[in-house]
Amino acid sequence: MLNSGKPAETLDVRPLPRDRTKGIIRLGSITVPCALGRSGVIARKKEGDGATPLGSFELLHVFFRPDKGRPPRTLLPLEPLTPDAGWCDDPGHRLYNRPVKCPFSASHEKMWRDDRLYDVVVVLDCNMFPAVKGRGSAIFFHIARETYSPTEGCVAVSPKHMRLLLGNVAPGSRMEIRP
Protein backbone atom coordinates (compact mmCIF):
# COMPACT_ATOMS: atom_id res chain seq x y z
CA MET A 1 0.00 0.00 0.00
CA LEU A 2 1.09 3.57 -0.55
CA ASN A 3 2.17 5.96 2.18
CA SER A 4 -0.09 5.41 5.24
CA GLY A 5 -1.04 1.83 4.37
CA LYS A 6 -4.45 2.95 3.08
CA PRO A 7 -5.19 2.32 -0.59
CA ALA A 8 -4.93 5.38 -2.83
CA GLU A 9 -8.25 6.42 -4.30
CA THR A 10 -7.58 7.90 -7.72
CA LEU A 11 -5.61 6.73 -10.73
CA ASP A 12 -4.89 9.98 -12.58
CA VAL A 13 -4.55 9.36 -16.34
CA ARG A 14 -3.12 12.01 -18.65
CA PRO A 15 -2.14 11.74 -22.32
CA LEU A 16 1.36 12.73 -23.41
CA PRO A 17 1.49 16.09 -25.23
CA ARG A 18 3.31 14.70 -28.30
CA ASP A 19 1.48 11.38 -28.62
CA ARG A 20 -2.16 11.39 -27.49
CA THR A 21 -2.33 7.56 -27.81
CA LYS A 22 0.13 7.19 -24.93
CA GLY A 23 -0.02 8.59 -21.43
CA ILE A 24 0.93 8.25 -17.82
CA ILE A 25 -0.98 7.06 -14.78
CA ARG A 26 -0.24 8.53 -11.37
CA LEU A 27 -1.40 6.87 -8.17
CA GLY A 28 0.10 8.56 -5.15
CA SER A 29 3.88 8.27 -5.54
CA ILE A 30 3.57 5.70 -8.38
CA THR A 31 3.87 6.88 -12.00
CA VAL A 32 3.68 4.38 -14.90
CA PRO A 33 3.25 4.62 -18.68
CA CYS A 34 -0.01 3.60 -20.35
CA ALA A 35 -1.54 3.12 -23.78
CA LEU A 36 -4.71 5.03 -24.70
CA GLY A 37 -7.22 4.88 -27.54
CA ARG A 38 -6.13 5.27 -31.17
CA SER A 39 -8.13 8.53 -31.31
CA GLY A 40 -6.74 9.92 -28.04
CA VAL A 41 -8.94 11.20 -25.21
CA ILE A 42 -12.35 12.66 -26.08
CA ALA A 43 -15.22 14.23 -24.12
CA ARG A 44 -18.08 12.85 -26.25
CA LYS A 45 -17.44 9.12 -26.57
CA LYS A 46 -19.24 7.23 -29.36
CA GLU A 47 -19.28 3.51 -30.08
CA GLY A 48 -16.43 2.55 -32.41
CA ASP A 49 -14.62 5.92 -32.41
CA GLY A 50 -11.42 4.44 -30.93
CA ALA A 51 -11.24 7.17 -28.29
CA THR A 52 -10.62 6.90 -24.57
CA PRO A 53 -13.44 8.73 -22.77
CA LEU A 54 -12.71 11.77 -20.65
CA GLY A 55 -14.13 11.47 -17.14
CA SER A 56 -14.02 9.84 -13.73
CA PHE A 57 -14.86 6.13 -13.58
CA GLU A 58 -15.06 3.78 -10.61
CA LEU A 59 -13.00 0.58 -10.76
CA LEU A 60 -15.80 -1.99 -10.37
CA HIS A 61 -14.18 -5.43 -10.48
CA VAL A 62 -11.32 -7.42 -11.92
CA PHE A 63 -11.45 -10.34 -14.35
CA PHE A 64 -8.36 -12.51 -14.70
CA ARG A 65 -7.26 -15.52 -16.75
CA PRO A 66 -6.74 -18.35 -14.24
CA ASP A 67 -4.64 -20.27 -16.78
CA LYS A 68 -2.16 -17.35 -17.13
CA GLY A 69 -0.89 -17.10 -13.57
CA ARG A 70 -2.02 -16.24 -10.09
CA PRO A 71 -4.82 -13.74 -9.51
CA PRO A 72 -3.65 -10.18 -8.83
CA ARG A 73 -3.49 -9.06 -5.21
CA THR A 74 -6.22 -6.45 -4.80
CA LEU A 75 -9.10 -5.42 -2.58
CA LEU A 76 -11.37 -5.12 -5.63
CA PRO A 77 -13.75 -8.01 -6.34
CA LEU A 78 -12.02 -10.70 -8.44
CA GLU A 79 -13.62 -13.07 -10.94
CA PRO A 80 -11.91 -15.69 -13.10
CA LEU A 81 -12.63 -15.47 -16.82
CA THR A 82 -13.97 -18.52 -18.63
CA PRO A 83 -13.55 -19.40 -22.32
CA ASP A 84 -17.19 -18.46 -22.99
CA ALA A 85 -16.89 -14.92 -21.55
CA GLY A 86 -17.93 -12.03 -23.78
CA TRP A 87 -19.03 -8.38 -23.56
CA CYS A 88 -21.91 -7.04 -25.69
CA ASP A 89 -20.93 -4.04 -27.86
CA ASP A 90 -24.11 -3.95 -29.98
CA PRO A 91 -25.92 -0.63 -29.24
CA GLY A 92 -29.18 -2.16 -30.43
CA HIS A 93 -29.13 -5.09 -28.02
CA ARG A 94 -30.75 -5.06 -24.57
CA LEU A 95 -27.47 -6.33 -23.04
CA TYR A 96 -25.40 -3.48 -24.53
CA ASN A 97 -22.25 -2.84 -22.46
CA ARG A 98 -22.83 -5.90 -20.26
CA PRO A 99 -21.06 -9.23 -19.85
CA VAL A 100 -22.50 -12.05 -21.96
CA LYS A 101 -21.90 -15.76 -22.46
CA CYS A 102 -20.60 -16.92 -25.84
CA PRO A 103 -21.69 -18.00 -28.31
CA PHE A 104 -23.66 -14.76 -28.49
CA SER A 105 -25.60 -13.75 -31.60
CA ALA A 106 -25.12 -9.96 -31.36
CA SER A 107 -21.82 -8.10 -31.76
CA HIS A 108 -19.55 -8.66 -28.78
CA GLU A 109 -16.00 -8.46 -27.47
CA LYS A 110 -14.35 -11.81 -26.80
CA MET A 111 -12.96 -11.69 -23.24
CA TRP A 112 -10.95 -14.95 -23.47
CA ARG A 113 -8.35 -13.70 -25.94
CA ASP A 114 -5.41 -15.34 -27.65
CA ASP A 115 -3.17 -12.36 -26.80
CA ARG A 116 -2.37 -11.09 -23.29
CA LEU A 117 -4.62 -8.01 -23.29
CA TYR A 118 -7.32 -9.43 -21.04
CA ASP A 119 -5.15 -11.64 -18.84
CA VAL A 120 -6.10 -9.06 -16.19
CA VAL A 121 -8.91 -6.63 -17.00
CA VAL A 122 -10.66 -4.11 -14.75
CA VAL A 123 -14.23 -3.14 -15.56
CA LEU A 124 -14.67 0.64 -15.35
CA ASP A 125 -17.99 2.31 -14.59
CA CYS A 126 -18.07 3.86 -18.05
CA ASN A 127 -21.54 4.09 -19.60
CA MET A 128 -22.79 1.37 -17.27
CA PHE A 129 -25.58 2.68 -15.02
CA PRO A 130 -27.49 3.10 -17.24
CA ALA A 131 -25.85 2.05 -20.48
CA VAL A 132 -26.74 4.70 -23.06
CA LYS A 133 -26.91 3.13 -26.51
CA GLY A 134 -24.03 4.24 -28.73
CA ARG A 135 -22.02 6.01 -25.97
CA GLY A 136 -19.31 3.34 -25.84
CA SER A 137 -18.91 -0.15 -24.49
CA ALA A 138 -16.18 -2.42 -23.14
CA ILE A 139 -14.09 0.49 -21.86
CA PHE A 140 -11.66 -1.35 -19.62
CA PHE A 141 -8.36 -0.95 -17.81
CA HIS A 142 -6.30 -3.88 -19.14
CA ILE A 143 -2.89 -5.19 -20.12
CA ALA A 144 -1.03 -3.29 -22.87
CA ARG A 145 0.63 -4.74 -25.92
CA GLU A 146 4.42 -4.96 -25.52
CA THR A 147 4.80 -1.89 -27.79
CA TYR A 148 2.11 0.13 -25.99
CA SER A 149 0.33 0.51 -29.32
CA PRO A 150 -3.07 2.26 -29.11
CA THR A 151 -6.17 0.57 -27.73
CA GLU A 152 -9.72 0.76 -29.10
CA GLY A 153 -10.56 3.22 -26.30
CA CYS A 154 -9.31 1.54 -23.14
CA VAL A 155 -6.42 2.37 -20.80
CA ALA A 156 -3.67 -0.28 -20.76
CA VAL A 157 -0.47 -0.94 -18.79
CA SER A 158 2.18 -3.65 -18.51
CA PRO A 159 1.36 -6.76 -16.44
CA LYS A 160 3.87 -5.68 -13.77
CA HIS A 161 2.34 -2.20 -13.52
CA MET A 162 -1.21 -3.60 -13.46
CA ARG A 163 -0.34 -5.74 -10.44
CA LEU A 164 1.38 -2.79 -8.73
CA LEU A 165 -1.63 -0.50 -9.26
CA LEU A 166 -4.23 -3.11 -8.29
CA GLY A 167 -2.37 -3.69 -5.03
CA ASN A 168 -2.99 -0.04 -4.16
CA VAL A 169 -6.68 0.39 -4.95
CA ALA A 170 -9.87 -0.65 -3.18
CA PRO A 171 -13.62 -0.57 -3.75
CA GLY A 172 -14.57 3.03 -4.45
CA SER A 173 -11.25 3.82 -6.18
CA ARG A 174 -11.60 5.78 -9.39
CA MET A 175 -9.77 6.32 -12.67
CA GLU A 176 -9.73 10.02 -13.60
CA ILE A 177 -9.03 10.41 -17.33
CA ARG A 178 -8.04 14.00 -18.12
CA PRO A 179 -7.41 15.87 -21.40
C-alpha atoms as a PDB file:
ATOM      1  CA  MET A   1       0.000   0.000   0.000  1.00  0.00           C
ATOM      2  CA  LEU A   2       1.086   3.570  -0.552  1.00  0.00           C
ATOM      3  CA  ASN A   3       2.166   5.964   2.183  1.00  0.00           C
ATOM      4  CA  SER A   4      -0.085   5.407   5.238  1.00  0.00           C
ATOM      5  CA  GLY A   5      -1.036   1.830   4.367  1.00  0.00           C
ATOM      6  CA  LYS A   6      -4.450   2.949   3.079  1.00  0.00           C
ATOM      7  CA  PRO A   7      -5.191   2.317  -0.590  1.00  0.00           C
ATOM      8  CA  ALA A   8      -4.926   5.378  -2.834  1.00  0.00           C
ATOM      9  CA  GLU A   9      -8.250   6.419  -4.296  1.00  0.00           C
ATOM     10  CA  THR A  10      -7.579   7.903  -7.720  1.00  0.00           C
ATOM     11  CA  LEU A  11      -5.613   6.731 -10.727  1.00  0.00           C
ATOM     12  CA  ASP A  12      -4.893   9.977 -12.576  1.00  0.00           C
ATOM     13  CA  VAL A  13      -4.545   9.356 -16.343  1.00  0.00           C
ATOM     14  CA  ARG A  14      -3.118  12.009 -18.648  1.00  0.00           C
ATOM     15  CA  PRO A  15      -2.138  11.735 -22.324  1.00  0.00           C
ATOM     16  CA  LEU A  16       1.365  12.729 -23.410  1.00  0.00           C
ATOM     17  CA  PRO A  17       1.492  16.090 -25.233  1.00  0.00           C
ATOM     18  CA  ARG A  18       3.309  14.703 -28.296  1.00  0.00           C
ATOM     19  CA  ASP A  19       1.482  11.383 -28.624  1.00  0.00           C
ATOM     20  CA  ARG A  20      -2.157  11.387 -27.492  1.00  0.00           C
ATOM     21  CA  THR A  21      -2.333   7.564 -27.806  1.00  0.00           C
ATOM     22  CA  LYS A  22       0.128   7.192 -24.930  1.00  0.00           C
ATOM     23  CA  GLY A  23      -0.017   8.589 -21.435  1.00  0.00           C
ATOM     24  CA  ILE A  24       0.928   8.254 -17.816  1.00  0.00           C
ATOM     25  CA  ILE A  25      -0.980   7.058 -14.780  1.00  0.00           C
ATOM     26  CA  ARG A  26      -0.239   8.530 -11.373  1.00  0.00           C
ATOM     27  CA  LEU A  27      -1.397   6.866  -8.175  1.00  0.00           C
ATOM     28  CA  GLY A  28       0.097   8.558  -5.150  1.00  0.00           C
ATOM     29  CA  SER A  29       3.883   8.272  -5.539  1.00  0.00           C
ATOM     30  CA  ILE A  30       3.571   5.705  -8.377  1.00  0.00           C
ATOM     31  CA  THR A  31       3.869   6.877 -12.001  1.00  0.00           C
ATOM     32  CA  VAL A  32       3.676   4.379 -14.895  1.00  0.00           C
ATOM     33  CA  PRO A  33       3.253   4.618 -18.680  1.00  0.00           C
ATOM     34  CA  CYS A  34      -0.009   3.603 -20.350  1.00  0.00           C
ATOM     35  CA  ALA A  35      -1.541   3.121 -23.781  1.00  0.00           C
ATOM     36  CA  LEU A  36      -4.710   5.028 -24.700  1.00  0.00           C
ATOM     37  CA  GLY A  37      -7.218   4.878 -27.544  1.00  0.00           C
ATOM     38  CA  ARG A  38      -6.134   5.267 -31.168  1.00  0.00           C
ATOM     39  CA  SER A  39      -8.130   8.534 -31.308  1.00  0.00           C
ATOM     40  CA  GLY A  40      -6.736   9.919 -28.045  1.00  0.00           C
ATOM     41  CA  VAL A  41      -8.939  11.199 -25.210  1.00  0.00           C
ATOM     42  CA  ILE A  42     -12.345  12.658 -26.080  1.00  0.00           C
ATOM     43  CA  ALA A  43     -15.215  14.226 -24.120  1.00  0.00           C
ATOM     44  CA  ARG A  44     -18.080  12.852 -26.249  1.00  0.00           C
ATOM     45  CA  LYS A  45     -17.443   9.124 -26.574  1.00  0.00           C
ATOM     46  CA  LYS A  46     -19.243   7.227 -29.356  1.00  0.00           C
ATOM     47  CA  GLU A  47     -19.284   3.512 -30.083  1.00  0.00           C
ATOM     48  CA  GLY A  48     -16.433   2.550 -32.413  1.00  0.00           C
ATOM     49  CA  ASP A  49     -14.616   5.919 -32.406  1.00  0.00           C
ATOM     50  CA  GLY A  50     -11.416   4.438 -30.925  1.00  0.00           C
ATOM     51  CA  ALA A  51     -11.235   7.174 -28.290  1.00  0.00           C
ATOM     52  CA  THR A  52     -10.617   6.900 -24.570  1.00  0.00           C
ATOM     53  CA  PRO A  53     -13.439   8.728 -22.773  1.00  0.00           C
ATOM     54  CA  LEU A  54     -12.712  11.772 -20.649  1.00  0.00           C
ATOM     55  CA  GLY A  55     -14.129  11.473 -17.138  1.00  0.00           C
ATOM     56  CA  SER A  56     -14.024   9.841 -13.731  1.00  0.00           C
ATOM     57  CA  PHE A  57     -14.863   6.132 -13.580  1.00  0.00           C
ATOM     58  CA  GLU A  58     -15.061   3.785 -10.608  1.00  0.00           C
ATOM     59  CA  LEU A  59     -13.001   0.577 -10.761  1.00  0.00           C
ATOM     60  CA  LEU A  60     -15.799  -1.991 -10.373  1.00  0.00           C
ATOM     61  CA  HIS A  61     -14.185  -5.429 -10.481  1.00  0.00           C
ATOM     62  CA  VAL A  62     -11.316  -7.424 -11.924  1.00  0.00           C
ATOM     63  CA  PHE A  63     -11.450 -10.340 -14.350  1.00  0.00           C
ATOM     64  CA  PHE A  64      -8.360 -12.513 -14.703  1.00  0.00           C
ATOM     65  CA  ARG A  65      -7.255 -15.523 -16.754  1.00  0.00           C
ATOM     66  CA  PRO A  66      -6.743 -18.346 -14.236  1.00  0.00           C
ATOM     67  CA  ASP A  67      -4.643 -20.271 -16.782  1.00  0.00           C
ATOM     68  CA  LYS A  68      -2.162 -17.353 -17.132  1.00  0.00           C
ATOM     69  CA  GLY A  69      -0.887 -17.104 -13.566  1.00  0.00           C
ATOM     70  CA  ARG A  70      -2.019 -16.245 -10.090  1.00  0.00           C
ATOM     71  CA  PRO A  71      -4.817 -13.740  -9.514  1.00  0.00           C
ATOM     72  CA  PRO A  72      -3.649 -10.179  -8.834  1.00  0.00           C
ATOM     73  CA  ARG A  73      -3.489  -9.062  -5.211  1.00  0.00           C
ATOM     74  CA  THR A  74      -6.216  -6.454  -4.796  1.00  0.00           C
ATOM     75  CA  LEU A  75      -9.099  -5.424  -2.580  1.00  0.00           C
ATOM     76  CA  LEU A  76     -11.367  -5.121  -5.634  1.00  0.00           C
ATOM     77  CA  PRO A  77     -13.752  -8.010  -6.342  1.00  0.00           C
ATOM     78  CA  LEU A  78     -12.017 -10.697  -8.444  1.00  0.00           C
ATOM     79  CA  GLU A  79     -13.622 -13.067 -10.942  1.00  0.00           C
ATOM     80  CA  PRO A  80     -11.907 -15.688 -13.103  1.00  0.00           C
ATOM     81  CA  LEU A  81     -12.635 -15.473 -16.821  1.00  0.00           C
ATOM     82  CA  THR A  82     -13.967 -18.518 -18.632  1.00  0.00           C
ATOM     83  CA  PRO A  83     -13.548 -19.400 -22.315  1.00  0.00           C
ATOM     84  CA  ASP A  84     -17.191 -18.457 -22.990  1.00  0.00           C
ATOM     85  CA  ALA A  85     -16.889 -14.915 -21.549  1.00  0.00           C
ATOM     86  CA  GLY A  86     -17.932 -12.028 -23.782  1.00  0.00           C
ATOM     87  CA  TRP A  87     -19.028  -8.383 -23.556  1.00  0.00           C
ATOM     88  CA  CYS A  88     -21.906  -7.036 -25.687  1.00  0.00           C
ATOM     89  CA  ASP A  89     -20.934  -4.040 -27.857  1.00  0.00           C
ATOM     90  CA  ASP A  90     -24.109  -3.948 -29.983  1.00  0.00           C
ATOM     91  CA  PRO A  91     -25.923  -0.633 -29.238  1.00  0.00           C
ATOM     92  CA  GLY A  92     -29.185  -2.161 -30.429  1.00  0.00           C
ATOM     93  CA  HIS A  93     -29.126  -5.093 -28.024  1.00  0.00           C
ATOM     94  CA  ARG A  94     -30.754  -5.058 -24.573  1.00  0.00           C
ATOM     95  CA  LEU A  95     -27.470  -6.328 -23.043  1.00  0.00           C
ATOM     96  CA  TYR A  96     -25.398  -3.479 -24.528  1.00  0.00           C
ATOM     97  CA  ASN A  97     -22.248  -2.843 -22.460  1.00  0.00           C
ATOM     98  CA  ARG A  98     -22.830  -5.898 -20.260  1.00  0.00           C
ATOM     99  CA  PRO A  99     -21.062  -9.234 -19.849  1.00  0.00           C
ATOM    100  CA  VAL A 100     -22.501 -12.053 -21.958  1.00  0.00           C
ATOM    101  CA  LYS A 101     -21.898 -15.755 -22.456  1.00  0.00           C
ATOM    102  CA  CYS A 102     -20.596 -16.921 -25.842  1.00  0.00           C
ATOM    103  CA  PRO A 103     -21.687 -18.001 -28.312  1.00  0.00           C
ATOM    104  CA  PHE A 104     -23.661 -14.759 -28.490  1.00  0.00           C
ATOM    105  CA  SER A 105     -25.601 -13.750 -31.604  1.00  0.00           C
ATOM    106  CA  ALA A 106     -25.124  -9.963 -31.356  1.00  0.00           C
ATOM    107  CA  SER A 107     -21.819  -8.100 -31.762  1.00  0.00           C
ATOM    108  CA  HIS A 108     -19.545  -8.664 -28.782  1.00  0.00           C
ATOM    109  CA  GLU A 109     -16.003  -8.456 -27.473  1.00  0.00           C
ATOM    110  CA  LYS A 110     -14.346 -11.806 -26.796  1.00  0.00           C
ATOM    111  CA  MET A 111     -12.961 -11.692 -23.240  1.00  0.00           C
ATOM    112  CA  TRP A 112     -10.952 -14.951 -23.466  1.00  0.00           C
ATOM    113  CA  ARG A 113      -8.348 -13.705 -25.936  1.00  0.00           C
ATOM    114  CA  ASP A 114      -5.407 -15.344 -27.654  1.00  0.00           C
ATOM    115  CA  ASP A 115      -3.168 -12.362 -26.800  1.00  0.00           C
ATOM    116  CA  ARG A 116      -2.371 -11.087 -23.288  1.00  0.00           C
ATOM    117  CA  LEU A 117      -4.621  -8.006 -23.295  1.00  0.00           C
ATOM    118  CA  TYR A 118      -7.322  -9.430 -21.040  1.00  0.00           C
ATOM    119  CA  ASP A 119      -5.153 -11.643 -18.842  1.00  0.00           C
ATOM    120  CA  VAL A 120      -6.105  -9.058 -16.186  1.00  0.00           C
ATOM    121  CA  VAL A 121      -8.914  -6.632 -17.002  1.00  0.00           C
ATOM    122  CA  VAL A 122     -10.661  -4.112 -14.754  1.00  0.00           C
ATOM    123  CA  VAL A 123     -14.234  -3.136 -15.560  1.00  0.00           C
ATOM    124  CA  LEU A 124     -14.672   0.637 -15.354  1.00  0.00           C
ATOM    125  CA  ASP A 125     -17.988   2.312 -14.590  1.00  0.00           C
ATOM    126  CA  CYS A 126     -18.066   3.856 -18.053  1.00  0.00           C
ATOM    127  CA  ASN A 127     -21.540   4.093 -19.605  1.00  0.00           C
ATOM    128  CA  MET A 128     -22.793   1.374 -17.275  1.00  0.00           C
ATOM    129  CA  PHE A 129     -25.579   2.682 -15.017  1.00  0.00           C
ATOM    130  CA  PRO A 130     -27.495   3.104 -17.245  1.00  0.00           C
ATOM    131  CA  ALA A 131     -25.846   2.053 -20.485  1.00  0.00           C
ATOM    132  CA  VAL A 132     -26.738   4.701 -23.063  1.00  0.00           C
ATOM    133  CA  LYS A 133     -26.906   3.133 -26.514  1.00  0.00           C
ATOM    134  CA  GLY A 134     -24.028   4.244 -28.732  1.00  0.00           C
ATOM    135  CA  ARG A 135     -22.019   6.008 -25.974  1.00  0.00           C
ATOM    136  CA  GLY A 136     -19.312   3.342 -25.841  1.00  0.00           C
ATOM    137  CA  SER A 137     -18.909  -0.153 -24.486  1.00  0.00           C
ATOM    138  CA  ALA A 138     -16.183  -2.422 -23.141  1.00  0.00           C
ATOM    139  CA  ILE A 139     -14.093   0.487 -21.857  1.00  0.00           C
ATOM    140  CA  PHE A 140     -11.659  -1.353 -19.621  1.00  0.00           C
ATOM    141  CA  PHE A 141      -8.355  -0.950 -17.810  1.00  0.00           C
ATOM    142  CA  HIS A 142      -6.302  -3.878 -19.135  1.00  0.00           C
ATOM    143  CA  ILE A 143      -2.887  -5.193 -20.123  1.00  0.00           C
ATOM    144  CA  ALA A 144      -1.030  -3.288 -22.872  1.00  0.00           C
ATOM    145  CA  ARG A 145       0.627  -4.742 -25.920  1.00  0.00           C
ATOM    146  CA  GLU A 146       4.420  -4.958 -25.519  1.00  0.00           C
ATOM    147  CA  THR A 147       4.796  -1.893 -27.792  1.00  0.00           C
ATOM    148  CA  TYR A 148       2.106   0.134 -25.994  1.00  0.00           C
ATOM    149  CA  SER A 149       0.326   0.511 -29.322  1.00  0.00           C
ATOM    150  CA  PRO A 150      -3.071   2.255 -29.112  1.00  0.00           C
ATOM    151  CA  THR A 151      -6.167   0.567 -27.733  1.00  0.00           C
ATOM    152  CA  GLU A 152      -9.716   0.757 -29.098  1.00  0.00           C
ATOM    153  CA  GLY A 153     -10.565   3.216 -26.304  1.00  0.00           C
ATOM    154  CA  CYS A 154      -9.307   1.542 -23.138  1.00  0.00           C
ATOM    155  CA  VAL A 155      -6.417   2.370 -20.799  1.00  0.00           C
ATOM    156  CA  ALA A 156      -3.672  -0.283 -20.757  1.00  0.00           C
ATOM    157  CA  VAL A 157      -0.468  -0.935 -18.794  1.00  0.00           C
ATOM    158  CA  SER A 158       2.182  -3.653 -18.506  1.00  0.00           C
ATOM    159  CA  PRO A 159       1.364  -6.760 -16.444  1.00  0.00           C
ATOM    160  CA  LYS A 160       3.866  -5.677 -13.769  1.00  0.00           C
ATOM    161  CA  HIS A 161       2.344  -2.200 -13.516  1.00  0.00           C
ATOM    162  CA  MET A 162      -1.208  -3.603 -13.459  1.00  0.00           C
ATOM    163  CA  ARG A 163      -0.340  -5.743 -10.439  1.00  0.00           C
ATOM    164  CA  LEU A 164       1.377  -2.789  -8.726  1.00  0.00           C
ATOM    165  CA  LEU A 165      -1.628  -0.498  -9.262  1.00  0.00           C
ATOM    166  CA  LEU A 166      -4.228  -3.112  -8.291  1.00  0.00           C
ATOM    167  CA  GLY A 167      -2.369  -3.692  -5.028  1.00  0.00           C
ATOM    168  CA  ASN A 168      -2.986  -0.042  -4.161  1.00  0.00           C
ATOM    169  CA  VAL A 169      -6.683   0.388  -4.946  1.00  0.00           C
ATOM    170  CA  ALA A 170      -9.868  -0.648  -3.181  1.00  0.00           C
ATOM    171  CA  PRO A 171     -13.624  -0.575  -3.745  1.00  0.00           C
ATOM    172  CA  GLY A 172     -14.571   3.033  -4.445  1.00  0.00           C
ATOM    173  CA  SER A 173     -11.251   3.816  -6.179  1.00  0.00           C
ATOM    174  CA  ARG A 174     -11.597   5.776  -9.392  1.00  0.00           C
ATOM    175  CA  MET A 175      -9.765   6.317 -12.675  1.00  0.00           C
ATOM    176  CA  GLU A 176      -9.732  10.017 -13.599  1.00  0.00           C
ATOM    177  CA  ILE A 177      -9.028  10.414 -17.332  1.00  0.00           C
ATOM    178  CA  ARG A 178      -8.040  14.005 -18.123  1.00  0.00           C
ATOM    179  CA  PRO A 179      -7.415  15.872 -21.402  1.00  0.00           C
END
